[in-house]
Amino acid sequence: MAYPKIPEKKNPGDVLVQKSADIQAPMETVFEVIEDIKLFVELEENVQEVTITSDIKQGKGMKSHWLLEDPGTGSRWEVDEEIVHYDKPNQIAYVGFAPDGKDYAGIHNLSRNPDGTTRHEFNEMFYFDADPDALGEVVGGMVQNVKEESERRSKA
């Protein structure tokens, strides 16, 4: 069975954020940007630090520790992530677990457009009480930054 495109809801109050972009770069280039999790310090506004914590450095089973900051309040929290699905260059899925219950799951879906560009569809489910507009802004910024970095690499 194919991996889903959207993380599963666990509770009625879970918050789903969906963002997409068409990127003037090959799928392989976009995938390389997304799988470089240490780059998310630059790609996503609320990411302060990322450390790979497993012997697996890439792909399914890779684990990492993230220091995040709420751009609205400045409060910080830590989360451990694991790549749970890795289908290069089509899809990466992960789950994040935080000691304070700010758990989430996300799936990056890539497909090739007829003109050779890439469609990036990103879906992230937040399993805690959160402001969907604020999350949408952060996630939208990350998707835009993935687009810009992928296009920059594709021209290099």
N, C-alpha and C. Protein backbone atom coordinates (compact mmCIF):
# COMPACT_ATOMS: atom_id res chain seq x y z
N MET A 1 0.84 -1.19 0.00
CA MET A 1 0.00 0.00 0.00
C MET A 1 0.88 1.24 0.00
N ALA A 2 0.49 2.25 -0.74
CA ALA A 2 1.24 3.49 -0.82
C ALA A 2 1.16 4.26 0.50
N TYR A 3 2.21 5.01 0.78
CA TYR A 3 2.21 5.82 1.99
C TYR A 3 1.22 6.98 1.79
N PRO A 4 0.51 7.39 2.84
CA PRO A 4 -0.47 8.48 2.67
C PRO A 4 0.20 9.82 2.37
N LYS A 5 -0.55 10.75 1.80
CA LYS A 5 -0.04 12.08 1.51
C LYS A 5 -0.25 13.03 2.68
N ILE A 6 -1.19 12.69 3.56
CA ILE A 6 -1.54 13.55 4.69
C ILE A 6 -1.44 12.74 5.97
N PRO A 7 -0.80 13.29 7.02
CA PRO A 7 -0.74 12.56 8.29
C PRO A 7 -2.14 12.33 8.87
N GLU A 8 -2.27 11.25 9.58
CA GLU A 8 -3.54 10.88 10.19
C GLU A 8 -3.87 11.77 11.38
N LYS A 9 -5.15 12.13 11.50
CA LYS A 9 -5.63 12.86 12.68
C LYS A 9 -5.74 11.88 13.83
N LYS A 10 -5.42 12.35 15.03
CA LYS A 10 -5.56 11.52 16.23
C LYS A 10 -6.73 12.00 17.08
N ASN A 11 -6.99 13.32 17.05
CA ASN A 11 -8.05 13.93 17.85
C ASN A 11 -8.79 14.97 17.01
N PRO A 12 -10.04 15.25 17.34
CA PRO A 12 -10.80 16.23 16.55
C PRO A 12 -10.15 17.62 16.49
N GLY A 13 -9.41 18.00 17.50
CA GLY A 13 -8.81 19.33 17.54
C GLY A 13 -7.45 19.44 16.88
N ASP A 14 -6.95 18.36 16.28
CA ASP A 14 -5.65 18.42 15.61
C ASP A 14 -5.69 19.43 14.48
N VAL A 15 -4.56 20.09 14.25
CA VAL A 15 -4.47 21.17 13.26
C VAL A 15 -3.66 20.68 12.06
N LEU A 16 -4.28 20.70 10.88
CA LEU A 16 -3.60 20.33 9.64
C LEU A 16 -3.25 21.60 8.88
N VAL A 17 -1.98 21.70 8.49
CA VAL A 17 -1.52 22.81 7.66
C VAL A 17 -1.05 22.22 6.33
N GLN A 18 -1.56 22.76 5.23
CA GLN A 18 -1.22 22.28 3.89
C GLN A 18 -0.69 23.45 3.07
N LYS A 19 0.47 23.26 2.48
CA LYS A 19 1.07 24.28 1.62
C LYS A 19 1.66 23.58 0.40
N SER A 20 1.70 24.30 -0.71
CA SER A 20 2.28 23.72 -1.92
C SER A 20 2.96 24.80 -2.75
N ALA A 21 3.83 24.34 -3.64
CA ALA A 21 4.54 25.26 -4.53
C ALA A 21 4.97 24.50 -5.77
N ASP A 22 5.00 25.21 -6.89
CA ASP A 22 5.61 24.69 -8.10
C ASP A 22 7.02 25.26 -8.17
N ILE A 23 8.00 24.38 -8.36
CA ILE A 23 9.40 24.76 -8.24
C ILE A 23 10.11 24.52 -9.57
N GLN A 24 10.84 25.51 -10.02
CA GLN A 24 11.59 25.44 -11.27
C GLN A 24 12.92 24.70 -11.03
N ALA A 25 12.79 23.43 -10.66
CA ALA A 25 13.96 22.59 -10.40
C ALA A 25 13.53 21.14 -10.51
N PRO A 26 14.48 20.24 -10.81
CA PRO A 26 14.15 18.82 -10.87
C PRO A 26 13.76 18.27 -9.50
N MET A 27 12.94 17.23 -9.49
CA MET A 27 12.52 16.60 -8.23
C MET A 27 13.71 16.20 -7.37
N GLU A 28 14.74 15.68 -8.01
CA GLU A 28 15.91 15.20 -7.26
C GLU A 28 16.56 16.35 -6.48
N THR A 29 16.61 17.53 -7.07
CA THR A 29 17.19 18.69 -6.39
C THR A 29 16.32 19.11 -5.21
N VAL A 30 15.01 19.16 -5.42
CA VAL A 30 14.09 19.54 -4.34
C VAL A 30 14.19 18.53 -3.20
N PHE A 31 14.26 17.25 -3.53
CA PHE A 31 14.37 16.22 -2.51
C PHE A 31 15.66 16.39 -1.69
N GLU A 32 16.76 16.70 -2.38
CA GLU A 32 18.04 16.92 -1.68
C GLU A 32 17.93 18.06 -0.67
N VAL A 33 17.21 19.11 -1.02
CA VAL A 33 17.03 20.23 -0.09
C VAL A 33 16.22 19.76 1.12
N ILE A 34 15.12 19.07 0.87
CA ILE A 34 14.24 18.64 1.95
C ILE A 34 14.92 17.64 2.88
N GLU A 35 15.71 16.72 2.33
CA GLU A 35 16.33 15.69 3.16
C GLU A 35 17.52 16.22 3.97
N ASP A 36 18.00 17.42 3.65
CA ASP A 36 19.10 18.03 4.40
C ASP A 36 18.52 18.74 5.62
N ILE A 37 18.22 17.95 6.66
CA ILE A 37 17.47 18.51 7.80
C ILE A 37 18.24 19.59 8.55
N LYS A 38 19.55 19.55 8.52
CA LYS A 38 20.31 20.62 9.20
C LYS A 38 20.09 21.97 8.52
N LEU A 39 19.72 21.95 7.25
CA LEU A 39 19.44 23.17 6.50
C LEU A 39 18.17 23.88 6.99
N PHE A 40 17.33 23.16 7.73
CA PHE A 40 16.07 23.75 8.19
C PHE A 40 16.28 24.90 9.17
N VAL A 41 17.48 25.03 9.72
CA VAL A 41 17.80 26.21 10.54
C VAL A 41 17.67 27.46 9.67
N GLU A 42 17.99 27.33 8.40
CA GLU A 42 17.88 28.45 7.46
C GLU A 42 16.52 28.49 6.76
N LEU A 43 15.90 27.34 6.59
CA LEU A 43 14.67 27.26 5.80
C LEU A 43 13.40 27.58 6.59
N GLU A 44 13.42 27.34 7.90
CA GLU A 44 12.21 27.49 8.70
C GLU A 44 12.44 28.42 9.88
N GLU A 45 11.62 29.43 9.93
CA GLU A 45 11.76 30.52 10.90
C GLU A 45 11.88 30.06 12.35
N ASN A 46 11.14 29.05 12.75
CA ASN A 46 11.13 28.68 14.16
C ASN A 46 12.21 27.67 14.55
N VAL A 47 13.00 27.18 13.61
CA VAL A 47 14.03 26.19 13.91
C VAL A 47 15.31 26.91 14.32
N GLN A 48 15.76 26.62 15.53
CA GLN A 48 16.98 27.23 16.07
C GLN A 48 18.20 26.34 15.92
N GLU A 49 17.98 25.02 16.03
CA GLU A 49 19.11 24.08 15.98
C GLU A 49 18.59 22.68 15.64
N VAL A 50 19.38 21.93 14.86
CA VAL A 50 19.05 20.55 14.51
C VAL A 50 20.31 19.71 14.70
N THR A 51 20.18 18.59 15.40
CA THR A 51 21.28 17.67 15.62
C THR A 51 20.84 16.26 15.25
N ILE A 52 21.58 15.59 14.40
CA ILE A 52 21.28 14.20 14.07
C ILE A 52 21.75 13.35 15.25
N THR A 53 20.85 12.49 15.77
CA THR A 53 21.15 11.73 16.99
C THR A 53 21.27 10.23 16.75
N SER A 54 21.11 9.78 15.53
CA SER A 54 21.19 8.35 15.25
C SER A 54 22.42 8.03 14.42
N ASP A 55 22.76 6.74 14.36
CA ASP A 55 23.85 6.30 13.49
C ASP A 55 23.44 6.43 12.02
N ILE A 56 22.15 6.33 11.76
CA ILE A 56 21.63 6.53 10.40
C ILE A 56 21.63 8.03 10.14
N LYS A 57 22.33 8.46 9.11
CA LYS A 57 22.48 9.90 8.83
C LYS A 57 21.56 10.39 7.73
N GLN A 58 20.86 9.46 7.07
CA GLN A 58 19.98 9.86 5.99
C GLN A 58 18.98 8.73 5.75
N GLY A 59 17.74 9.08 5.50
CA GLY A 59 16.74 8.08 5.14
C GLY A 59 15.93 7.58 6.31
N LYS A 60 15.14 6.55 6.03
CA LYS A 60 14.23 5.99 7.02
C LYS A 60 15.00 5.55 8.27
N GLY A 61 14.46 5.93 9.41
CA GLY A 61 15.10 5.58 10.67
C GLY A 61 16.04 6.63 11.22
N MET A 62 16.36 7.66 10.40
CA MET A 62 17.21 8.73 10.90
C MET A 62 16.47 9.48 12.01
N LYS A 63 17.17 9.73 13.09
CA LYS A 63 16.59 10.46 14.22
C LYS A 63 17.37 11.74 14.43
N SER A 64 16.64 12.75 14.91
CA SER A 64 17.26 14.06 15.14
C SER A 64 16.59 14.76 16.31
N HIS A 65 17.31 15.72 16.85
CA HIS A 65 16.81 16.53 17.97
C HIS A 65 16.74 17.97 17.49
N TRP A 66 15.60 18.62 17.71
CA TRP A 66 15.34 19.97 17.22
C TRP A 66 15.07 20.92 18.38
N LEU A 67 15.63 22.11 18.31
CA LEU A 67 15.30 23.19 19.22
C LEU A 67 14.47 24.19 18.42
N LEU A 68 13.23 24.40 18.86
CA LEU A 68 12.29 25.26 18.14
C LEU A 68 11.90 26.46 18.99
N GLU A 69 11.51 27.52 18.31
CA GLU A 69 11.07 28.73 19.02
C GLU A 69 9.77 29.22 18.39
N ASP A 70 8.81 29.53 19.24
CA ASP A 70 7.55 30.10 18.77
C ASP A 70 7.80 31.55 18.38
N PRO A 71 7.67 31.89 17.08
CA PRO A 71 7.98 33.25 16.64
C PRO A 71 7.06 34.30 17.26
N GLY A 72 5.87 33.88 17.68
CA GLY A 72 4.94 34.83 18.29
C GLY A 72 5.25 35.14 19.73
N THR A 73 5.60 34.09 20.50
CA THR A 73 5.82 34.28 21.94
C THR A 73 7.28 34.24 22.36
N GLY A 74 8.12 33.66 21.51
CA GLY A 74 9.53 33.52 21.87
C GLY A 74 9.79 32.30 22.75
N SER A 75 8.73 31.56 23.12
CA SER A 75 8.94 30.38 23.97
C SER A 75 9.63 29.30 23.14
N ARG A 76 10.47 28.53 23.80
CA ARG A 76 11.24 27.49 23.13
C ARG A 76 10.79 26.12 23.59
N TRP A 77 10.91 25.14 22.71
CA TRP A 77 10.67 23.76 23.09
C TRP A 77 11.58 22.87 22.26
N GLU A 78 11.76 21.65 22.75
CA GLU A 78 12.61 20.69 22.08
C GLU A 78 11.77 19.52 21.61
N VAL A 79 12.19 18.92 20.52
CA VAL A 79 11.45 17.80 19.95
C VAL A 79 12.43 16.81 19.32
N ASP A 80 12.07 15.55 19.38
CA ASP A 80 12.83 14.50 18.71
C ASP A 80 12.03 14.05 17.50
N GLU A 81 12.69 14.00 16.35
CA GLU A 81 12.04 13.59 15.10
C GLU A 81 12.64 12.29 14.60
N GLU A 82 11.82 11.57 13.85
CA GLU A 82 12.31 10.38 13.17
C GLU A 82 11.69 10.32 11.77
N ILE A 83 12.52 9.99 10.78
CA ILE A 83 12.04 9.77 9.42
C ILE A 83 11.37 8.39 9.41
N VAL A 84 10.08 8.36 9.10
CA VAL A 84 9.33 7.10 9.13
C VAL A 84 9.02 6.56 7.73
N HIS A 85 9.23 7.38 6.72
CA HIS A 85 9.04 6.94 5.33
C HIS A 85 10.00 7.74 4.46
N TYR A 86 10.67 7.04 3.54
CA TYR A 86 11.69 7.67 2.71
C TYR A 86 11.64 7.00 1.34
N ASP A 87 11.12 7.73 0.37
CA ASP A 87 10.99 7.21 -0.99
C ASP A 87 11.58 8.26 -1.94
N LYS A 88 12.90 8.20 -2.12
CA LYS A 88 13.61 9.21 -2.91
C LYS A 88 13.30 9.02 -4.38
N PRO A 89 12.93 10.02 -5.14
CA PRO A 89 12.79 11.44 -4.83
C PRO A 89 11.33 11.88 -4.66
N ASN A 90 10.47 10.97 -4.21
CA ASN A 90 9.03 11.25 -4.19
C ASN A 90 8.46 11.73 -2.87
N GLN A 91 8.95 11.18 -1.75
CA GLN A 91 8.25 11.46 -0.50
C GLN A 91 9.15 11.22 0.71
N ILE A 92 9.00 12.10 1.69
CA ILE A 92 9.62 11.93 3.00
C ILE A 92 8.53 12.21 4.03
N ALA A 93 8.44 11.33 5.03
CA ALA A 93 7.49 11.53 6.13
C ALA A 93 8.24 11.40 7.45
N TYR A 94 7.80 12.17 8.42
CA TYR A 94 8.46 12.15 9.73
C TYR A 94 7.43 12.35 10.83
N VAL A 95 7.84 12.00 12.03
CA VAL A 95 7.06 12.27 13.23
C VAL A 95 7.96 12.99 14.22
N GLY A 96 7.35 13.86 15.00
CA GLY A 96 8.07 14.59 16.03
C GLY A 96 7.39 14.41 17.38
N PHE A 97 8.20 14.12 18.41
CA PHE A 97 7.68 13.92 19.75
C PHE A 97 8.38 14.87 20.71
N ALA A 98 7.57 15.60 21.47
CA ALA A 98 8.12 16.55 22.44
C ALA A 98 7.68 16.14 23.84
N PRO A 99 8.54 16.34 24.84
CA PRO A 99 8.18 15.97 26.21
C PRO A 99 6.94 16.73 26.71
N ASP A 100 6.71 17.92 26.16
CA ASP A 100 5.56 18.72 26.62
C ASP A 100 4.29 18.46 25.82
N GLY A 101 4.31 17.44 24.95
CA GLY A 101 3.12 17.08 24.20
C GLY A 101 2.93 17.80 22.88
N LYS A 102 3.88 18.62 22.47
CA LYS A 102 3.77 19.31 21.18
C LYS A 102 4.26 18.40 20.05
N ASP A 103 3.52 17.31 19.87
CA ASP A 103 3.86 16.32 18.86
C ASP A 103 3.28 16.72 17.50
N TYR A 104 3.88 16.21 16.44
CA TYR A 104 3.41 16.51 15.09
C TYR A 104 3.90 15.45 14.12
N ALA A 105 3.37 15.48 12.90
CA ALA A 105 3.81 14.60 11.82
C ALA A 105 3.72 15.39 10.53
N GLY A 106 4.65 15.13 9.62
CA GLY A 106 4.64 15.84 8.35
C GLY A 106 5.03 14.95 7.19
N ILE A 107 4.52 15.31 6.01
CA ILE A 107 4.82 14.55 4.80
C ILE A 107 5.09 15.52 3.66
N HIS A 108 6.29 15.40 3.08
CA HIS A 108 6.65 16.15 1.87
C HIS A 108 6.36 15.24 0.68
N ASN A 109 5.51 15.69 -0.24
CA ASN A 109 5.16 14.94 -1.44
C ASN A 109 5.66 15.69 -2.66
N LEU A 110 6.44 15.01 -3.49
CA LEU A 110 6.97 15.63 -4.71
C LEU A 110 6.45 14.88 -5.93
N SER A 111 6.12 15.65 -6.97
CA SER A 111 5.73 15.05 -8.24
C SER A 111 6.25 15.93 -9.37
N ARG A 112 6.44 15.30 -10.52
CA ARG A 112 6.97 16.01 -11.68
C ARG A 112 5.81 16.60 -12.47
N ASN A 113 5.86 17.89 -12.73
CA ASN A 113 4.89 18.55 -13.59
C ASN A 113 5.20 18.21 -15.05
N PRO A 114 4.21 18.34 -15.96
CA PRO A 114 4.45 18.04 -17.37
C PRO A 114 5.61 18.83 -17.99
N ASP A 115 5.87 20.04 -17.47
CA ASP A 115 6.95 20.86 -18.04
C ASP A 115 8.31 20.56 -17.41
N GLY A 116 8.40 19.54 -16.56
CA GLY A 116 9.68 19.17 -15.96
C GLY A 116 9.95 19.82 -14.62
N THR A 117 9.12 20.78 -14.22
CA THR A 117 9.28 21.40 -12.91
C THR A 117 8.71 20.45 -11.85
N THR A 118 8.83 20.83 -10.61
CA THR A 118 8.42 19.96 -9.50
C THR A 118 7.27 20.57 -8.73
N ARG A 119 6.31 19.74 -8.38
CA ARG A 119 5.21 20.14 -7.49
C ARG A 119 5.56 19.64 -6.09
N HIS A 120 5.63 20.55 -5.13
CA HIS A 120 5.91 20.21 -3.74
C HIS A 120 4.63 20.43 -2.95
N GLU A 121 4.08 19.36 -2.41
CA GLU A 121 2.90 19.45 -1.55
C GLU A 121 3.33 19.00 -0.16
N PHE A 122 3.14 19.88 0.81
CA PHE A 122 3.57 19.59 2.17
C PHE A 122 2.37 19.63 3.09
N ASN A 123 2.21 18.58 3.89
CA ASN A 123 1.11 18.48 4.84
C ASN A 123 1.69 18.17 6.22
N GLU A 124 1.32 18.99 7.19
CA GLU A 124 1.82 18.78 8.55
C GLU A 124 0.64 18.82 9.52
N MET A 125 0.56 17.81 10.39
CA MET A 125 -0.49 17.70 11.38
C MET A 125 0.11 17.98 12.76
N PHE A 126 -0.51 18.90 13.46
CA PHE A 126 -0.06 19.27 14.81
C PHE A 126 -1.04 18.67 15.80
N TYR A 127 -0.51 17.87 16.74
CA TYR A 127 -1.34 17.15 17.69
C TYR A 127 -1.42 17.89 19.03
N PHE A 128 -1.53 19.20 18.96
CA PHE A 128 -1.66 20.01 20.17
C PHE A 128 -2.41 21.28 19.81
N ASP A 129 -2.88 21.97 20.83
CA ASP A 129 -3.63 23.21 20.61
C ASP A 129 -2.68 24.26 20.05
N ALA A 130 -2.97 24.71 18.84
CA ALA A 130 -2.06 25.64 18.17
C ALA A 130 -2.87 26.58 17.28
N ASP A 131 -2.29 27.72 16.98
CA ASP A 131 -2.92 28.72 16.12
C ASP A 131 -2.67 28.34 14.66
N PRO A 132 -3.71 27.93 13.92
CA PRO A 132 -3.50 27.50 12.54
C PRO A 132 -2.94 28.60 11.64
N ASP A 133 -3.31 29.85 11.89
CA ASP A 133 -2.80 30.94 11.06
C ASP A 133 -1.30 31.14 11.27
N ALA A 134 -0.85 31.11 12.53
CA ALA A 134 0.57 31.27 12.82
C ALA A 134 1.37 30.10 12.25
N LEU A 135 0.84 28.89 12.42
CA LEU A 135 1.52 27.71 11.87
C LEU A 135 1.56 27.79 10.35
N GLY A 136 0.46 28.22 9.75
CA GLY A 136 0.40 28.35 8.30
C GLY A 136 1.43 29.33 7.77
N GLU A 137 1.66 30.39 8.51
CA GLU A 137 2.66 31.39 8.10
C GLU A 137 4.06 30.79 8.15
N VAL A 138 4.37 30.09 9.23
CA VAL A 138 5.70 29.48 9.38
C VAL A 138 5.92 28.40 8.31
N VAL A 139 4.93 27.52 8.14
CA VAL A 139 5.05 26.44 7.17
C VAL A 139 5.10 27.00 5.75
N GLY A 140 4.30 28.01 5.47
CA GLY A 140 4.33 28.65 4.15
C GLY A 140 5.68 29.26 3.85
N GLY A 141 6.29 29.88 4.86
CA GLY A 141 7.64 30.43 4.70
C GLY A 141 8.66 29.36 4.40
N MET A 142 8.53 28.21 5.08
CA MET A 142 9.46 27.10 4.84
C MET A 142 9.30 26.58 3.42
N VAL A 143 8.07 26.40 2.95
CA VAL A 143 7.85 25.89 1.60
C VAL A 143 8.42 26.87 0.57
N GLN A 144 8.24 28.16 0.81
CA GLN A 144 8.80 29.17 -0.08
C GLN A 144 10.33 29.12 -0.08
N ASN A 145 10.93 28.93 1.09
CA ASN A 145 12.39 28.85 1.19
C ASN A 145 12.94 27.59 0.53
N VAL A 146 12.20 26.47 0.62
CA VAL A 146 12.60 25.25 -0.09
C VAL A 146 12.59 25.52 -1.59
N LYS A 147 11.56 26.21 -2.05
CA LYS A 147 11.46 26.57 -3.47
C LYS A 147 12.67 27.41 -3.90
N GLU A 148 12.96 28.46 -3.14
CA GLU A 148 14.07 29.36 -3.51
C GLU A 148 15.41 28.64 -3.48
N GLU A 149 15.66 27.82 -2.46
CA GLU A 149 16.93 27.10 -2.37
C GLU A 149 17.06 26.07 -3.49
N SER A 150 15.97 25.38 -3.80
CA SER A 150 16.00 24.39 -4.88
C SER A 150 16.26 25.05 -6.22
N GLU A 151 15.61 26.17 -6.47
CA GLU A 151 15.81 26.90 -7.74
C GLU A 151 17.23 27.46 -7.82
N ARG A 152 17.76 27.93 -6.69
CA ARG A 152 19.14 28.42 -6.67
C ARG A 152 20.11 27.28 -7.01
N ARG A 153 19.93 26.14 -6.40
CA ARG A 153 20.81 24.99 -6.67
C ARG A 153 20.68 24.51 -8.10
N SER A 154 19.50 24.58 -8.66
CA SER A 154 19.28 24.09 -10.00
C SER A 154 19.94 24.99 -11.06
N LYS A 155 20.17 26.24 -10.71
CA LYS A 155 20.82 27.19 -11.64
C LYS A 155 22.34 27.17 -11.49
N ALA A 156 22.82 26.64 -10.37
CA ALA A 156 24.26 26.67 -10.08
C ALA A 156 25.04 25.76 -10.99
